[in-house]
Structure formats: C-alpha cells, structure tokens
C-alpha atoms as a PDB file:
ATOM      1  CA  MET A   1     103.629 122.747 110.325  1.00  0.00           C
ATOM      2  CA  GLY A   2     104.687 124.004 106.732  1.00  0.00           C
ATOM      3  CA  THR A   3     102.266 125.375 104.614  1.00  0.00           C
ATOM      4  CA  ASP A   4     104.259 124.823 101.705  1.00  0.00           C
ATOM      5  CA  TRP A   5     101.861 121.420 100.329  1.00  0.00           C
ATOM      6  CA  ASN A   6      98.346 120.755 100.729  1.00  0.00           C
ATOM      7  CA  THR A   7      97.386 119.658 104.078  1.00  0.00           C
ATOM      8  CA  ALA A   8      93.636 120.670 103.614  1.00  0.00           C
ATOM      9  CA  VAL A   9      93.141 118.245 101.599  1.00  0.00           C
ATOM     10  CA  LEU A  10      94.020 115.587 103.899  1.00  0.00           C
ATOM     11  CA  GLU A  11      91.453 116.888 106.291  1.00  0.00           C
ATOM     12  CA  GLN A  12      88.266 117.433 103.682  1.00  0.00           C
ATOM     13  CA  LYS A  13      88.814 114.031 102.201  1.00  0.00           C
ATOM     14  CA  TYR A  14      90.532 111.656 103.913  1.00  0.00           C
ATOM     15  CA  ARG A  15      90.167 112.947 107.875  1.00  0.00           C
ATOM     16  CA  ILE A  16      93.779 113.236 108.837  1.00  0.00           C
ATOM     17  CA  SER A  17      94.607 116.089 111.061  1.00  0.00           C
ATOM     18  CA  PHE A  18      97.636 117.393 113.254  1.00  0.00           C
ATOM     19  CA  ALA A  19      96.910 118.636 116.891  1.00  0.00           C
ATOM     20  CA  ASP A  20      99.022 118.305 119.488  1.00  0.00           C
ATOM     21  CA  GLU A  21      96.311 118.247 121.884  1.00  0.00           C
ATOM     22  CA  ILE A  22      93.148 116.570 121.216  1.00  0.00           C
ATOM     23  CA  ASN A  23      89.463 118.372 122.174  1.00  0.00           C
ATOM     24  CA  ALA A  24      86.992 115.299 121.025  1.00  0.00           C
ATOM     25  CA  PRO A  25      83.635 113.162 122.206  1.00  0.00           C
ATOM     26  CA  LEU A  26      85.267 110.477 121.837  1.00  0.00           C
ATOM     27  CA  VAL A  27      89.653 109.755 121.772  1.00  0.00           C
ATOM     28  CA  PHE A  28      91.607 106.075 120.967  1.00  0.00           C
ATOM     29  CA  SER A  29      94.942 105.567 120.544  1.00  0.00           C
ATOM     30  CA  ALA A  30      95.619 103.745 117.588  1.00  0.00           C
ATOM     31  CA  GLU A  31      98.578 101.657 119.150  1.00  0.00           C
ATOM     32  CA  GLY A  32      95.626 100.117 121.733  1.00  0.00           C
ATOM     33  CA  LEU A  33      94.229  98.024 118.343  1.00  0.00           C
ATOM     34  CA  LEU A  34      97.941  96.810 118.709  1.00  0.00           C
ATOM     35  CA  ARG A  35      96.639  94.910 122.115  1.00  0.00           C
ATOM     36  CA  LYS A  36      94.418  91.879 122.049  1.00  0.00           C
ATOM     37  CA  GLU A  37      92.122  92.901 124.804  1.00  0.00           C
ATOM     38  CA  THR A  38      92.173  96.472 123.979  1.00  0.00           C
ATOM     39  CA  SER A  39      91.309  95.894 120.576  1.00  0.00           C
ATOM     40  CA  MET A  40      88.330  93.380 121.160  1.00  0.00           C
ATOM     41  CA  MET A  41      86.863  96.236 123.724  1.00  0.00           C
ATOM     42  CA  PHE A  42      86.982  98.791 120.837  1.00  0.00           C
ATOM     43  CA  LEU A  43      85.850  96.063 118.285  1.00  0.00           C
ATOM     44  CA  ARG A  44      83.133  95.171 120.521  1.00  0.00           C
ATOM     45  CA  GLN A  45      82.157  99.329 120.872  1.00  0.00           C
ATOM     46  CA  VAL A  46      82.829  99.991 116.974  1.00  0.00           C
ATOM     47  CA  GLY A  47      80.165  96.682 116.674  1.00  0.00           C
ATOM     48  CA  GLU A  48      77.491  97.702 118.700  1.00  0.00           C
ATOM     49  CA  GLN A  49      77.334 101.330 116.947  1.00  0.00           C
ATOM     50  CA  ILE A  50      77.305 100.134 113.673  1.00  0.00           C
ATOM     51  CA  GLY A  51      74.899  97.472 114.058  1.00  0.00           C
ATOM     52  CA  SER A  52      77.322  94.481 113.164  1.00  0.00           C
ATOM     53  CA  PRO A  53      76.333  90.885 113.850  1.00  0.00           C
ATOM     54  CA  GLY A  54      79.915  90.004 114.922  1.00  0.00           C
ATOM     55  CA  SER A  55      83.832  90.648 115.204  1.00  0.00           C
ATOM     56  CA  VAL A  56      84.631  89.182 111.682  1.00  0.00           C
ATOM     57  CA  VAL A  57      82.031  91.913 110.126  1.00  0.00           C
ATOM     58  CA  THR A  58      83.224  94.672 112.379  1.00  0.00           C
ATOM     59  CA  ALA A  59      87.078  94.149 111.870  1.00  0.00           C
ATOM     60  CA  SER A  60      86.237  94.145 107.974  1.00  0.00           C
ATOM     61  CA  LEU A  61      84.275  97.639 107.854  1.00  0.00           C
ATOM     62  CA  PHE A  62      86.367  98.886 110.471  1.00  0.00           C
ATOM     63  CA  PHE A  63      89.417  98.407 108.965  1.00  0.00           C
ATOM     64  CA  LYS A  64      87.935  99.483 105.748  1.00  0.00           C
ATOM     65  CA  ARG A  65      87.113 102.734 106.973  1.00  0.00           C
ATOM     66  CA  PHE A  66      90.261 103.417 108.744  1.00  0.00           C
ATOM     67  CA  LEU A  67      92.024 103.087 105.626  1.00  0.00           C
ATOM     68  CA  ALA A  68      91.252 106.247 104.599  1.00  0.00           C
ATOM     69  CA  LEU A  69      94.877 106.911 106.736  1.00  0.00           C
ATOM     70  CA  MET A  70      97.131 105.039 103.997  1.00  0.00           C
ATOM     71  CA  THR A  71      95.258 106.867 101.412  1.00  0.00           C
ATOM     72  CA  GLY A  72      95.496 109.914 102.940  1.00  0.00           C
ATOM     73  CA  ALA A  73      99.271 109.572 103.052  1.00  0.00           C
ATOM     74  CA  LEU A  74     100.014 108.205  99.754  1.00  0.00           C
ATOM     75  CA  HIS A  75      98.294 111.212  98.535  1.00  0.00           C
ATOM     76  CA  ALA A  76     100.414 113.112 100.226  1.00  0.00           C
ATOM     77  CA  MET A  77     103.877 110.874  98.733  1.00  0.00           C
ATOM     78  CA  SER A  78     102.275 110.957  95.053  1.00  0.00           C
ATOM     79  CA  HIS A  79     101.394 114.370  95.057  1.00  0.00           C
ATOM     80  CA  ASP A  80     103.519 116.707  97.426  1.00  0.00           C
ATOM     81  CA  SER A  81     106.521 114.508  97.878  1.00  0.00           C
ATOM     82  CA  VAL A  82     105.344 114.561 101.620  1.00  0.00           C
ATOM     83  CA  GLY A  83     106.421 111.340 104.080  1.00  0.00           C
ATOM     84  CA  LEU A  84     103.693 111.451 107.213  1.00  0.00           C
ATOM     85  CA  GLN A  85     104.764 109.884 110.502  1.00  0.00           C
ATOM     86  CA  LEU A  86     102.113 107.259 110.806  1.00  0.00           C
ATOM     87  CA  SER A  87     103.409 104.820 113.165  1.00  0.00           C
ATOM     88  CA  LEU A  88     100.334 103.907 115.328  1.00  0.00           C
ATOM     89  CA  ALA A  89     101.919 105.399 118.699  1.00  0.00           C
ATOM     90  CA  ASN A  90     101.242 108.587 116.577  1.00  0.00           C
ATOM     91  CA  VAL A  91      97.708 108.212 115.842  1.00  0.00           C
ATOM     92  CA  VAL A  92      94.967 108.639 117.687  1.00  0.00           C
ATOM     93  CA  LEU A  93      91.421 107.989 116.727  1.00  0.00           C
ATOM     94  CA  THR A  94      88.193 110.361 117.329  1.00  0.00           C
ATOM     95  CA  GLY A  95      84.819 110.498 116.677  1.00  0.00           C
ATOM     96  CA  GLU A  96      81.785 112.798 117.655  1.00  0.00           C
ATOM     97  CA  LYS A  97      78.882 110.465 118.177  1.00  0.00           C
ATOM     98  CA  SER A  98      80.362 107.246 117.730  1.00  0.00           C
ATOM     99  CA  TRP A  99      82.978 105.198 115.805  1.00  0.00           C
ATOM    100  CA  SER A 100      81.421 105.112 112.129  1.00  0.00           C
ATOM    101  CA  ILE A 101      83.774 107.137 110.409  1.00  0.00           C
ATOM    102  CA  PRO A 102      86.616 107.463 112.740  1.00  0.00           C
ATOM    103  CA  ARG A 103      88.862 110.979 112.291  1.00  0.00           C
ATOM    104  CA  PHE A 104      92.770 110.451 112.325  1.00  0.00           C
ATOM    105  CA  VAL A 105      94.857 112.543 114.512  1.00  0.00           C
ATOM    106  CA  LEU A 106      98.746 112.923 114.400  1.00  0.00           C
ATOM    107  CA  LEU A 107     100.123 114.170 117.161  1.00  0.00           C
ATOM    108  CA  ASP A 108     103.881 114.603 115.432  1.00  0.00           C
ATOM    109  CA  GLN A 109     103.649 117.099 113.044  1.00  0.00           C
ATOM    110  CA  SER A 110     106.940 116.068 111.333  1.00  0.00           C
ATOM    111  CA  VAL A 111     107.615 115.219 107.568  1.00  0.00           C
ATOM    112  CA  SER A 112     110.186 113.919 105.451  1.00  0.00           C
ATOM    113  CA  ARG A 113     110.994 114.940 102.009  1.00  0.00           C
ATOM    114  CA  PRO A 114     113.311 113.470  99.611  1.00  0.00           C
ATOM    115  CA  GLU A 115     116.571 114.747  98.972  1.00  0.00           C
ATOM    116  CA  ASP A 116     117.370 115.500  95.293  1.00  0.00           C
ATOM    117  CA  GLY A 117     118.045 113.140  93.229  1.00  0.00           C
ATOM    118  CA  SER A 118     116.839 110.232  95.908  1.00  0.00           C
ATOM    119  CA  ARG A 119     113.032 110.184  95.873  1.00  0.00           C
ATOM    120  CA  ALA A 120     113.430 106.182  95.285  1.00  0.00           C
ATOM    121  CA  GLN A 121     115.083 105.633  98.023  1.00  0.00           C
ATOM    122  CA  TRP A 122     112.801 107.810  99.817  1.00  0.00           C
ATOM    123  CA  ARG A 123     109.782 106.421  98.904  1.00  0.00           C
ATOM    124  CA  GLU A 124     110.581 102.692  99.370  1.00  0.00           C
ATOM    125  CA  GLN A 125     111.392 104.406 103.178  1.00  0.00           C
ATOM    126  CA  VAL A 126     108.110 106.347 103.178  1.00  0.00           C
ATOM    127  CA  VAL A 127     105.843 103.157 102.008  1.00  0.00           C
ATOM    128  CA  ARG A 128     107.811 100.609 104.819  1.00  0.00           C
ATOM    129  CA  GLU A 129     106.961 102.349 107.291  1.00  0.00           C
ATOM    130  CA  LEU A 130     103.230 102.850 106.382  1.00  0.00           C
ATOM    131  CA  PHE A 131     102.682  98.656 104.875  1.00  0.00           C
ATOM    132  CA  ALA A 132     105.534  96.669 107.278  1.00  0.00           C
ATOM    133  CA  GLY A 133     104.904  99.536 110.298  1.00  0.00           C
ATOM    134  CA  THR A 134     101.222 100.066 110.079  1.00  0.00           C
ATOM    135  CA  ILE A 135      98.908  98.201 108.068  1.00  0.00           C
ATOM    136  CA  GLN A 136     100.560  94.834 108.649  1.00  0.00           C
ATOM    137  CA  PRO A 137     100.929  95.278 112.130  1.00  0.00           C
ATOM    138  CA  LEU A 138      97.383  96.545 112.096  1.00  0.00           C
ATOM    139  CA  ILE A 139      96.311  93.714 109.656  1.00  0.00           C
ATOM    140  CA  ALA A 140      97.750  90.874 112.176  1.00  0.00           C
ATOM    141  CA  ALA A 141      96.840  92.264 115.797  1.00  0.00           C
ATOM    142  CA  LEU A 142      92.753  92.265 114.110  1.00  0.00           C
ATOM    143  CA  CYS A 143      93.181  88.730 112.608  1.00  0.00           C
ATOM    144  CA  ALA A 144      94.197  87.802 116.303  1.00  0.00           C
ATOM    145  CA  ALA A 145      91.464  89.733 117.856  1.00  0.00           C
ATOM    146  CA  THR A 146      88.775  88.463 115.746  1.00  0.00           C
ATOM    147  CA  SER A 147      89.711  85.941 113.007  1.00  0.00           C
ATOM    148  CA  VAL A 148      88.791  88.266 109.931  1.00  0.00           C
ATOM    149  CA  LYS A 149      91.407  86.591 107.464  1.00  0.00           C
ATOM    150  CA  ALA A 150      94.293  88.128 105.960  1.00  0.00           C
ATOM    151  CA  HIS A 151      93.603  88.280 102.455  1.00  0.00           C
ATOM    152  CA  VAL A 152      90.183  90.123 103.264  1.00  0.00           C
ATOM    153  CA  LEU A 153      92.147  92.735 104.793  1.00  0.00           C
ATOM    154  CA  TRP A 154      94.603  93.319 101.992  1.00  0.00           C
ATOM    155  CA  ALA A 155      91.669  93.462  99.629  1.00  0.00           C
ATOM    156  CA  HIS A 156      90.442  96.515 101.012  1.00  0.00           C
ATOM    157  CA  ALA A 157      93.713  98.273 100.436  1.00  0.00           C
ATOM    158  CA  SER A 158      94.491  97.030  97.274  1.00  0.00           C
ATOM    159  CA  TYR A 159      91.261  98.065  95.912  1.00  0.00           C
ATOM    160  CA  LEU A 160      91.873 101.124  97.224  1.00  0.00           C
ATOM    161  CA  VAL A 161      95.424 101.470  95.667  1.00  0.00           C
ATOM    162  CA  HIS A 162      94.114 101.140  92.865  1.00  0.00           C
ATOM    163  CA  PHE A 163      91.125 103.424  92.699  1.00  0.00           C
ATOM    164  CA  TYR A 164      92.709 106.410  93.615  1.00  0.00           C
ATOM    165  CA  TYR A 165      95.984 106.019  91.411  1.00  0.00           C
ATOM    166  CA  LYS A 166      93.597 105.765  88.119  1.00  0.00           C
ATOM    167  CA  ARG A 167      91.806 108.919  89.509  1.00  0.00           C
ATOM    168  CA  TRP A 168      95.078 110.486  90.403  1.00  0.00           C
ATOM    169  CA  GLN A 169      96.597 110.419  87.624  1.00  0.00           C
ATOM    170  CA  ASP A 170      93.511 111.042  85.581  1.00  0.00           C
ATOM    171  CA  ALA A 171      93.264 114.352  87.141  1.00  0.00           C
ATOM    172  CA  ALA A 172      96.642 115.435  87.519  1.00  0.00           C
ATOM    173  CA  GLU A 173      97.354 119.214  86.416  1.00  0.00           C
ATOM    174  CA  SER A 174     100.618 118.916  84.683  1.00  0.00           C
ATOM    175  CA  ALA A 175     103.039 115.848  82.841  1.00  0.00           C
ATOM    176  CA  GLU A 176     105.313 115.748  84.961  1.00  0.00           C
ATOM    177  CA  LEU A 177     102.847 115.150  88.373  1.00  0.00           C
ATOM    178  CA  LYS A 178     101.181 113.094  86.116  1.00  0.00           C
ATOM    179  CA  ARG A 179     104.369 110.726  85.559  1.00  0.00           C
ATOM    180  CA  GLN A 180     105.269 110.928  89.389  1.00  0.00           C
ATOM    181  CA  ILE A 181     101.764 109.181  90.125  1.00  0.00           C
ATOM    182  CA  ALA A 182     102.428 106.535  87.545  1.00  0.00           C
ATOM    183  CA  ASP A 183     105.709 105.987  88.450  1.00  0.00           C
ATOM    184  CA  ASP A 184     104.352 105.654  92.375  1.00  0.00           C
ATOM    185  CA  TYR A 185     101.705 103.407  91.446  1.00  0.00           C
ATOM    186  CA  HIS A 186     103.844 100.590  89.505  1.00  0.00           C
ATOM    187  CA  TYR A 187     105.950 100.720  92.660  1.00  0.00           C
ATOM    188  CA  LEU A 188     103.142 100.076  95.172  1.00  0.00           C
ATOM    189  CA  THR A 189     101.587  97.560  92.855  1.00  0.00           C
ATOM    190  CA  LYS A 190     104.133  95.861  90.748  1.00  0.00           C
ATOM    191  CA  ALA A 191     108.508  96.835  91.660  1.00  0.00           C
ATOM    192  CA  ALA A 192     107.558  96.746  95.840  1.00  0.00           C
ATOM    193  CA  ASP A 193     109.447  94.464  97.520  1.00  0.00           C
ATOM    194  CA  PRO A 194     107.610  91.835  99.864  1.00  0.00           C
ATOM    195  CA  SER A 195     109.215  93.096 102.829  1.00  0.00           C
ATOM    196  CA  VAL A 196     108.105  96.963 102.359  1.00  0.00           C
ATOM    197  CA  PHE A 197     104.610  94.936 103.067  1.00  0.00           C
ATOM    198  CA  GLY A 198     106.070  93.589 105.804  1.00  0.00           C
ATOM    199  CA  LEU A 199     105.339  90.108 104.305  1.00  0.00           C
ATOM    200  CA  LYS A 200     108.094  87.279 103.188  1.00  0.00           C
ATOM    201  CA  LYS A 201     106.859  87.036  99.802  1.00  0.00           C
ATOM    202  CA  GLY A 202     103.874  87.914  97.383  1.00  0.00           C
ATOM    203  CA  GLN A 203     102.643  91.198  96.617  1.00  0.00           C
ATOM    204  CA  PRO A 204      99.593  92.192  98.407  1.00  0.00           C
ATOM    205  CA  LEU A 205      98.287  94.985  95.828  1.00  0.00           C
ATOM    206  CA  ASP A 206      98.935  93.466  92.340  1.00  0.00           C
ATOM    207  CA  THR A 207      95.609  92.580  91.227  1.00  0.00           C
ATOM    208  CA  SER A 208      93.664  92.989  88.540  1.00  0.00           C
ATOM    209  CA  TYR A 209      89.998  94.453  88.603  1.00  0.00           C
ATOM    210  CA  THR A 210      87.035  94.052  85.831  1.00  0.00           C
ATOM    211  CA  MET A 211      86.101  97.646  85.230  1.00  0.00           C
ATOM    212  CA  ILE A 212      82.428  97.901  83.858  1.00  0.00           C
ATOM    213  CA  PRO A 213      80.854 101.218  81.943  1.00  0.00           C
ATOM    214  CA  HIS A 214      78.736 103.110  84.958  1.00  0.00           C
ATOM    215  CA  PRO A 215      75.231 102.486  84.086  1.00  0.00           C
ATOM    216  CA  SER A 216      74.256 106.048  82.506  1.00  0.00           C
ATOM    217  CA  GLY A 217      76.569 106.338  79.729  1.00  0.00           C
ATOM    218  CA  LYS A 218      78.061 109.438  81.529  1.00  0.00           C
ATOM    219  CA  GLY A 219      79.629 108.398  84.779  1.00  0.00           C
ATOM    220  CA  GLU A 220      83.051 107.249  85.502  1.00  0.00           C
ATOM    221  CA  PRO A 221      83.710 102.965  84.802  1.00  0.00           C
ATOM    222  CA  ILE A 222      83.067 101.075  87.780  1.00  0.00           C
ATOM    223  CA  GLN A 223      85.650  99.311  89.546  1.00  0.00           C
ATOM    224  CA  ILE A 224      84.555  96.018  90.843  1.00  0.00           C
ATOM    225  CA  ARG A 225      85.975  94.351  93.983  1.00  0.00           C
ATOM    226  CA  HIS A 226      87.399  91.389  94.527  1.00  0.00           C
ATOM    227  CA  GLN A 227      85.945  90.935  98.395  1.00  0.00           C
ATOM    228  CA  CYS A 228      83.223  91.846  99.808  1.00  0.00           C
ATOM    229  CA  CYS A 229      83.510  93.762 103.044  1.00  0.00           C
ATOM    230  CA  PHE A 230      80.045  91.957 104.679  1.00  0.00           C
ATOM    231  CA  GLN A 231      78.639  95.102 104.599  1.00  0.00           C
ATOM    232  CA  TYR A 232      75.437  93.860 103.886  1.00  0.00           C
ATOM    233  CA  ARG A 233      75.196  91.858 107.237  1.00  0.00           C
ATOM    234  CA  LEU A 234      74.548  94.909 109.167  1.00  0.00           C
ATOM    235  CA  GLU A 235      71.375  95.628 110.117  1.00  0.00           C
ATOM    236  CA  GLY A 236      70.066  96.731 107.707  1.00  0.00           C
ATOM    237  CA  GLY A 237      72.724  96.499 105.596  1.00  0.00           C
ATOM    238  CA  ARG A 238      73.363  96.064 101.923  1.00  0.00           C
ATOM    239  CA  CYS A 239      76.019  95.029  99.211  1.00  0.00           C
ATOM    240  CA  CYS A 240      77.907  98.259  98.356  1.00  0.00           C
ATOM    241  CA  TYR A 241      77.290  98.735  94.690  1.00  0.00           C
ATOM    242  CA  THR A 242      81.199  97.547  93.754  1.00  0.00           C
ATOM    243  CA  CYS A 243      80.482  94.795  95.632  1.00  0.00           C
ATOM    244  CA  PRO A 244      81.716  90.838  93.783  1.00  0.00           C
ATOM    245  CA  HIS A 245      77.834  89.505  94.726  1.00  0.00           C
ATOM    246  CA  LEU A 246      76.067  91.363  93.079  1.00  0.00           C
ATOM    247  CA  ASN A 247      74.635  90.612  89.690  1.00  0.00           C
ATOM    248  CA  GLU A 248      74.224  93.194  86.742  1.00  0.00           C
ATOM    249  CA  THR A 249      70.875  94.271  87.444  1.00  0.00           C
ATOM    250  CA  GLN A 250      71.102  94.570  90.759  1.00  0.00           C
ATOM    251  CA  ARG A 251      74.302  96.457  90.867  1.00  0.00           C
ATOM    252  CA  VAL A 252      72.791  99.126  87.816  1.00  0.00           C
ATOM    253  CA  GLU A 253      69.700  99.634  90.607  1.00  0.00           C
ATOM    254  CA  GLN A 254      72.064 100.574  92.889  1.00  0.00           C
ATOM    255  CA  ILE A 255      73.857 102.671  91.400  1.00  0.00           C
ATOM    256  CA  LEU A 256      71.029 104.978  89.642  1.00  0.00           C
ATOM    257  CA  ALA A 257      69.523 104.451  92.955  1.00  0.00           C
ATOM    258  CA  LEU A 258      72.369 106.321  94.778  1.00  0.00           C
ATOM    259  CA  GLY A 259      72.589 108.897  91.795  1.00  0.00           C
ATOM    260  CA  HIS A 260      76.202 108.134  91.452  1.00  0.00           C
END
C-alpha cells in the first residue's frame, strides 16, 4: 500500500482498512449480502444484536452504517484522487462483539488514479463502480430480502453525500482542493447520468435539505433528513436529532442533551 495519500483517515473516520489476512472475532464477506438466504440470515443476526423489531428496520439501519464505506471512498476520490476497489467481492465486514458498527477490510489493495487531463473520465468510472457496481446492487438485494423500500436506502446515501461534501468544502486547506471537492459534489448531485447509479432514470442524490441554525448559536447548522431511518423502533431507541419526525422542541432538547 502506497503512503502518498491519506490512508489513516479511512480507518479512523470511515472504518476502512486494507489487509491480505483477517483476524477478527466476526467476519462476513459482503458478497454474501447479494444472496437472499445468506443476507436474510446475516440480517437476522444483526437485528437480534441491535434490538430490531423487524427486517425492514434492520436493513435500514445496517445500510445506514454500511454507508461509511461509500463515504470513505468518496473522501479518497475527492481529496486524494484515489479510486478504491469496492466490489462487494473485495469487501469483508468485521466486528468485535457484534455487527452494530461494522468495519470494512479491502482484500485487493490496489487503487486507480486519473491520468493527466482525464480526471473527469476517471471520476465517472470510480463513481460508476461505487454506485452501479456496489451500492445499487446492495440496495436491490436488501429490498428483495426484507421488503425495505429502495427510496429509504437511497435517502440515507443522499443525506451523507450532501452532509460530507459541504463539510469537506468548508475544511479544504487550499483553493484548488476546494474547487475539486465542489466539482465532484456537483457531478454527484447534478451532472451524473442515471446509469452511473445503476438506474434507468432519475438522480438519487439530487436532493435539497432544510438547514436549521444550531440551537446553541455556536455550532454548525443542522441538516434535516427527508427520510426516517427507523432507529426509534429499536428497543430503547429514539429518533435521531436530524429526524424529520421531530418537532422543533424535541429536536432542540436532543441536540443540547447530546452536547453537539
């Protein structure tokens, strides 16, 4: 693995690492999620561990946590111009005591880079491999295994793309990097062809979000979700503070209680 780009951030923020051999208490090949019976067995185990009342809730929350893989891949693309190998056959999920917060191990450690003057073409291929090759097949498989609706899962992906790209632009250390991140953000949410996402029509990431001021008056504005993830349906669960089901009073109470 080369050291000329930031691999540490992938492990620290997005739970992605690279390894030829895996030594973890819990190990599951992500490719198994594409097989209905295997997926159902895995999701039942996840559901039992997180206290889920049913498969739709489990699928929603598992996918929401799986999306750290997507976010890490986009971070590598937009910050370092690096394309990760993210076919589900190359991804192994690992856990310590449960699957509540899975980690991701990539077996093939090779990466792609754009050639001079061809970043746009390279980016399209990276995004196509990520979404049409990995995210959309996983969404279709989870829908088939649990009856969760595709729009629920795409809403989780869209929320994270908008949330992180806004943060990445604000944190960019140079004007050049800021422009690159902004250009990638525009491509993902506006310019990309539906086929890049494995779809025949529509742009699943082209969504506008309500932003509300942080109740403390000091923190970052809060981006409100369009789709509930069903976390409140877990045993002892409650809505996320970004949930569209909360009223203003409930949201403020949660944010201040969490100290965010």
